[in-house]
C-alpha atoms as a PDB file:
ATOM      1  CA  UNK A   1     171.379 -97.885  98.225  1.00  0.00           C
ATOM      2  CA  UNK A   2     173.308-100.723  99.865  1.00  0.00           C
ATOM      3  CA  UNK A   3     171.416-103.893 100.810  1.00  0.00           C
ATOM      4  CA  UNK A   4     172.973-106.885 102.517  1.00  0.00           C
ATOM      5  CA  UNK A   5     171.475-110.349 102.154  1.00  0.00           C
ATOM      6  CA  UNK A   6     172.045-112.895 104.923  1.00  0.00           C
ATOM      7  CA  UNK A   7     170.912-116.434 105.676  1.00  0.00           C
ATOM      8  CA  UNK A   8     171.059-118.295 108.947  1.00  0.00           C
ATOM      9  CA  UNK A   9     172.259-121.868 109.269  1.00  0.00           C
ATOM     10  CA  UNK A  10     168.830-123.276 108.301  1.00  0.00           C
ATOM     11  CA  UNK A  11     168.785-121.938 104.739  1.00  0.00           C
ATOM     12  CA  UNK A  12     171.626-123.086 102.462  1.00  0.00           C
ATOM     13  CA  UNK A  13     171.523-120.521  99.659  1.00  0.00           C
ATOM     14  CA  UNK A  14     174.281-119.273  97.338  1.00  0.00           C
ATOM     15  CA  UNK A  15     174.109-115.760  98.773  1.00  0.00           C
ATOM     16  CA  UNK A  16     177.209-114.436  97.017  1.00  0.00           C
ATOM     17  CA  UNK A  17     175.987-115.464  93.552  1.00  0.00           C
ATOM     18  CA  UNK A  18     172.473-114.246  94.424  1.00  0.00           C
ATOM     19  CA  UNK A  19     173.811-110.799  95.363  1.00  0.00           C
ATOM     20  CA  UNK A  20     175.944-110.600  92.227  1.00  0.00           C
ATOM     21  CA  UNK A  21     172.943-111.380  90.044  1.00  0.00           C
ATOM     22  CA  UNK A  22     170.735-108.787  91.759  1.00  0.00           C
ATOM     23  CA  UNK A  23     173.471-106.129  91.640  1.00  0.00           C
ATOM     24  CA  UNK A  24     173.951-106.675  87.897  1.00  0.00           C
ATOM     25  CA  UNK A  25     170.202-106.240  87.363  1.00  0.00           C
ATOM     26  CA  UNK A  26     169.948-103.001  89.354  1.00  0.00           C
ATOM     27  CA  UNK A  27     171.186 -99.543  88.500  1.00  0.00           C
ATOM     28  CA  UNK A  28     170.698 -97.951  91.913  1.00  0.00           C
ATOM     29  CA  UNK A  29     170.995-100.783  94.443  1.00  0.00           C
ATOM     30  CA  UNK A  30     174.140-102.677  95.375  1.00  0.00           C
ATOM     31  CA  UNK A  31     173.611-106.045  97.047  1.00  0.00           C
ATOM     32  CA  UNK A  32     176.285-107.628  99.188  1.00  0.00           C
ATOM     33  CA  UNK A  33     176.338-111.027 100.888  1.00  0.00           C
ATOM     34  CA  UNK A  34     176.344-111.263 104.648  1.00  0.00           C
ATOM     35  CA  UNK A  35     179.610-112.445 106.158  1.00  0.00           C
ATOM     36  CA  UNK A  36     178.632-113.383 109.716  1.00  0.00           C
ATOM     37  CA  UNK A  37     177.534-116.969 110.409  1.00  0.00           C
ATOM     38  CA  UNK A  38     174.680-117.225 112.922  1.00  0.00           C
ATOM     39  CA  UNK A  39     171.492-119.033 113.796  1.00  0.00           C
ATOM     40  CA  UNK A  40     168.236-117.592 115.011  1.00  0.00           C
ATOM     41  CA  UNK A  41     167.569-118.467 118.637  1.00  0.00           C
ATOM     42  CA  UNK A  42     164.404-120.371 119.557  1.00  0.00           C
ATOM     43  CA  UNK A  43     161.839-122.514 117.780  1.00  0.00           C
ATOM     44  CA  UNK A  44     160.157-119.562 116.101  1.00  0.00           C
ATOM     45  CA  UNK A  45     160.882-115.981 115.076  1.00  0.00           C
ATOM     46  CA  UNK A  46     159.244-113.396 117.271  1.00  0.00           C
ATOM     47  CA  UNK A  47     159.369-109.629 116.949  1.00  0.00           C
ATOM     48  CA  UNK A  48     161.183-107.989 118.729  1.00  0.00           C
ATOM     49  CA  UNK A  49     162.697-110.815 120.822  1.00  0.00           C
ATOM     50  CA  UNK A  50     164.490-112.624 117.980  1.00  0.00           C
ATOM     51  CA  UNK A  51     165.892-109.364 116.637  1.00  0.00           C
ATOM     52  CA  UNK A  52     167.378-108.539 120.053  1.00  0.00           C
ATOM     53  CA  UNK A  53     169.063-111.969 120.238  1.00  0.00           C
ATOM     54  CA  UNK A  54     171.058-111.587 117.005  1.00  0.00           C
ATOM     55  CA  UNK A  55     174.788-111.510 117.722  1.00  0.00           C
ATOM     56  CA  UNK A  56     176.517-108.149 118.117  1.00  0.00           C
ATOM     57  CA  UNK A  57     178.871-109.192 115.324  1.00  0.00           C
ATOM     58  CA  UNK A  58     175.866-109.358 112.993  1.00  0.00           C
ATOM     59  CA  UNK A  59     174.759-105.830 113.873  1.00  0.00           C
ATOM     60  CA  UNK A  60     178.311-104.596 113.454  1.00  0.00           C
ATOM     61  CA  UNK A  61     178.458-106.211 109.994  1.00  0.00           C
ATOM     62  CA  UNK A  62     175.382-104.290 108.782  1.00  0.00           C
ATOM     63  CA  UNK A  63     176.575-100.858 109.874  1.00  0.00           C
ATOM     64  CA  UNK A  64     176.312 -98.608 106.859  1.00  0.00           C
ATOM     65  CA  UNK A  65     173.741-100.795 105.074  1.00  0.00           C
ATOM     66  CA  UNK A  66     170.484 -99.145 104.097  1.00  0.00           C
ATOM     67  CA  UNK A  67     168.666-102.467 104.474  1.00  0.00           C
ATOM     68  CA  UNK A  68     169.630-105.908 105.756  1.00  0.00           C
ATOM     69  CA  UNK A  69     167.491-108.910 104.849  1.00  0.00           C
ATOM     70  CA  UNK A  70     167.828-112.281 106.581  1.00  0.00           C
ATOM     71  CA  UNK A  71     166.409-115.484 105.103  1.00  0.00           C
ATOM     72  CA  UNK A  72     165.598-118.403 107.393  1.00  0.00           C
ATOM     73  CA  UNK A  73     163.586-121.634 107.520  1.00  0.00           C
ATOM     74  CA  UNK A  74     162.534-120.897 111.093  1.00  0.00           C
ATOM     75  CA  UNK A  75     158.797-120.075 111.225  1.00  0.00           C
ATOM     76  CA  UNK A  76     157.356-116.851 112.614  1.00  0.00           C
ATOM     77  CA  UNK A  77     155.255-117.242 115.754  1.00  0.00           C
ATOM     78  CA  UNK A  78     152.474-115.314 113.972  1.00  0.00           C
ATOM     79  CA  UNK A  79     152.716-117.289 110.667  1.00  0.00           C
ATOM     80  CA  UNK A  80     153.885-114.231 108.720  1.00  0.00           C
ATOM     81  CA  UNK A  81     156.471-114.524 105.979  1.00  0.00           C
ATOM     82  CA  UNK A  82     158.412-111.442 107.046  1.00  0.00           C
ATOM     83  CA  UNK A  83     158.575-108.645 109.541  1.00  0.00           C
ATOM     84  CA  UNK A  84     161.041-105.858 110.037  1.00  0.00           C
ATOM     85  CA  UNK A  85     162.351-103.204 112.344  1.00  0.00           C
ATOM     86  CA  UNK A  86     164.211-100.190 111.063  1.00  0.00           C
ATOM     87  CA  UNK A  87     166.475-101.409 108.309  1.00  0.00           C
ATOM     88  CA  UNK A  88     166.428-105.108 109.310  1.00  0.00           C
ATOM     89  CA  UNK A  89     163.908-107.572 107.860  1.00  0.00           C
ATOM     90  CA  UNK A  90     163.725-111.313 108.536  1.00  0.00           C
ATOM     91  CA  UNK A  91     162.013-113.454 105.883  1.00  0.00           C
ATOM     92  CA  UNK A  92     160.818-116.943 106.843  1.00  0.00           C
ATOM     93  CA  UNK A  93     160.665-119.724 104.272  1.00  0.00           C
ATOM     94  CA  UNK A  94     159.129-122.200 106.700  1.00  0.00           C
ATOM     95  CA  UNK A  95     156.877-124.574 104.760  1.00  0.00           C
ATOM     96  CA  UNK A  96     157.946-123.057 101.422  1.00  0.00           C
ATOM     97  CA  UNK A  97     157.929-126.524  99.842  1.00  0.00           C
ATOM     98  CA  UNK A  98     154.276-126.929 100.826  1.00  0.00           C
ATOM     99  CA  UNK A  99     153.290-123.742  98.999  1.00  0.00           C
ATOM    100  CA  UNK A 100     155.215-123.970  95.742  1.00  0.00           C
ATOM    101  CA  UNK A 101     157.687-125.984  93.730  1.00  0.00           C
ATOM    102  CA  UNK A 102     159.725-122.839  92.966  1.00  0.00           C
ATOM    103  CA  UNK A 103     163.216-122.642  94.457  1.00  0.00           C
ATOM    104  CA  UNK A 104     163.698-120.547  97.586  1.00  0.00           C
ATOM    105  CA  UNK A 105     165.955-118.207  95.589  1.00  0.00           C
ATOM    106  CA  UNK A 106     162.914-117.224  93.500  1.00  0.00           C
ATOM    107  CA  UNK A 107     161.003-116.446  96.678  1.00  0.00           C
ATOM    108  CA  UNK A 108     163.870-114.453  98.141  1.00  0.00           C
ATOM    109  CA  UNK A 109     164.161-112.428  94.920  1.00  0.00           C
ATOM    110  CA  UNK A 110     160.423-111.706  95.068  1.00  0.00           C
ATOM    111  CA  UNK A 111     160.518-110.628  98.714  1.00  0.00           C
ATOM    112  CA  UNK A 112     163.585-108.450  98.136  1.00  0.00           C
ATOM    113  CA  UNK A 113     161.849-106.707  95.218  1.00  0.00           C
ATOM    114  CA  UNK A 114     158.585-106.268  97.126  1.00  0.00           C
ATOM    115  CA  UNK A 115     160.249-105.004 100.303  1.00  0.00           C
ATOM    116  CA  UNK A 116     162.569-102.577  98.526  1.00  0.00           C
ATOM    117  CA  UNK A 117     159.862-101.511  96.094  1.00  0.00           C
ATOM    118  CA  UNK A 118     157.697-100.256  98.928  1.00  0.00           C
ATOM    119  CA  UNK A 119     155.025-102.934  98.730  1.00  0.00           C
ATOM    120  CA  UNK A 120     155.103-103.402 102.486  1.00  0.00           C
ATOM    121  CA  UNK A 121     154.453-100.554 104.860  1.00  0.00           C
ATOM    122  CA  UNK A 122     154.354-102.355 108.202  1.00  0.00           C
ATOM    123  CA  UNK A 123     154.352-100.331 111.410  1.00  0.00           C
ATOM    124  CA  UNK A 124     157.488-102.086 112.586  1.00  0.00           C
ATOM    125  CA  UNK A 125     159.358-100.979 109.459  1.00  0.00           C
ATOM    126  CA  UNK A 126     160.874 -97.519 109.552  1.00  0.00           C
END
């Protein structure tokens, strides 16, 4: 399985090192860092509007990926932490500092494990 990890311009994370660490820890999943710089349009993330506004270059960059996960500090309009469509999932870390003192990388690792481990079976996810 190939999973790409991306962040928009609101979440400064060491994605390359993060992907290397996860890939070393997994026997069946390869993680690769996203290469396209982008920002999510609007004041909040909304499904499916925000997903449709991602640049074509982003969608081209995830061709062949089994899953693509985007991290952002932009909040969801419904206060969820994540939502997905097909193989694309956007995770919001809005207000993360109000919930925990753990680094965002810990949260991203948790969400990646939960999402890939089948913990979430949302209708929007296929």
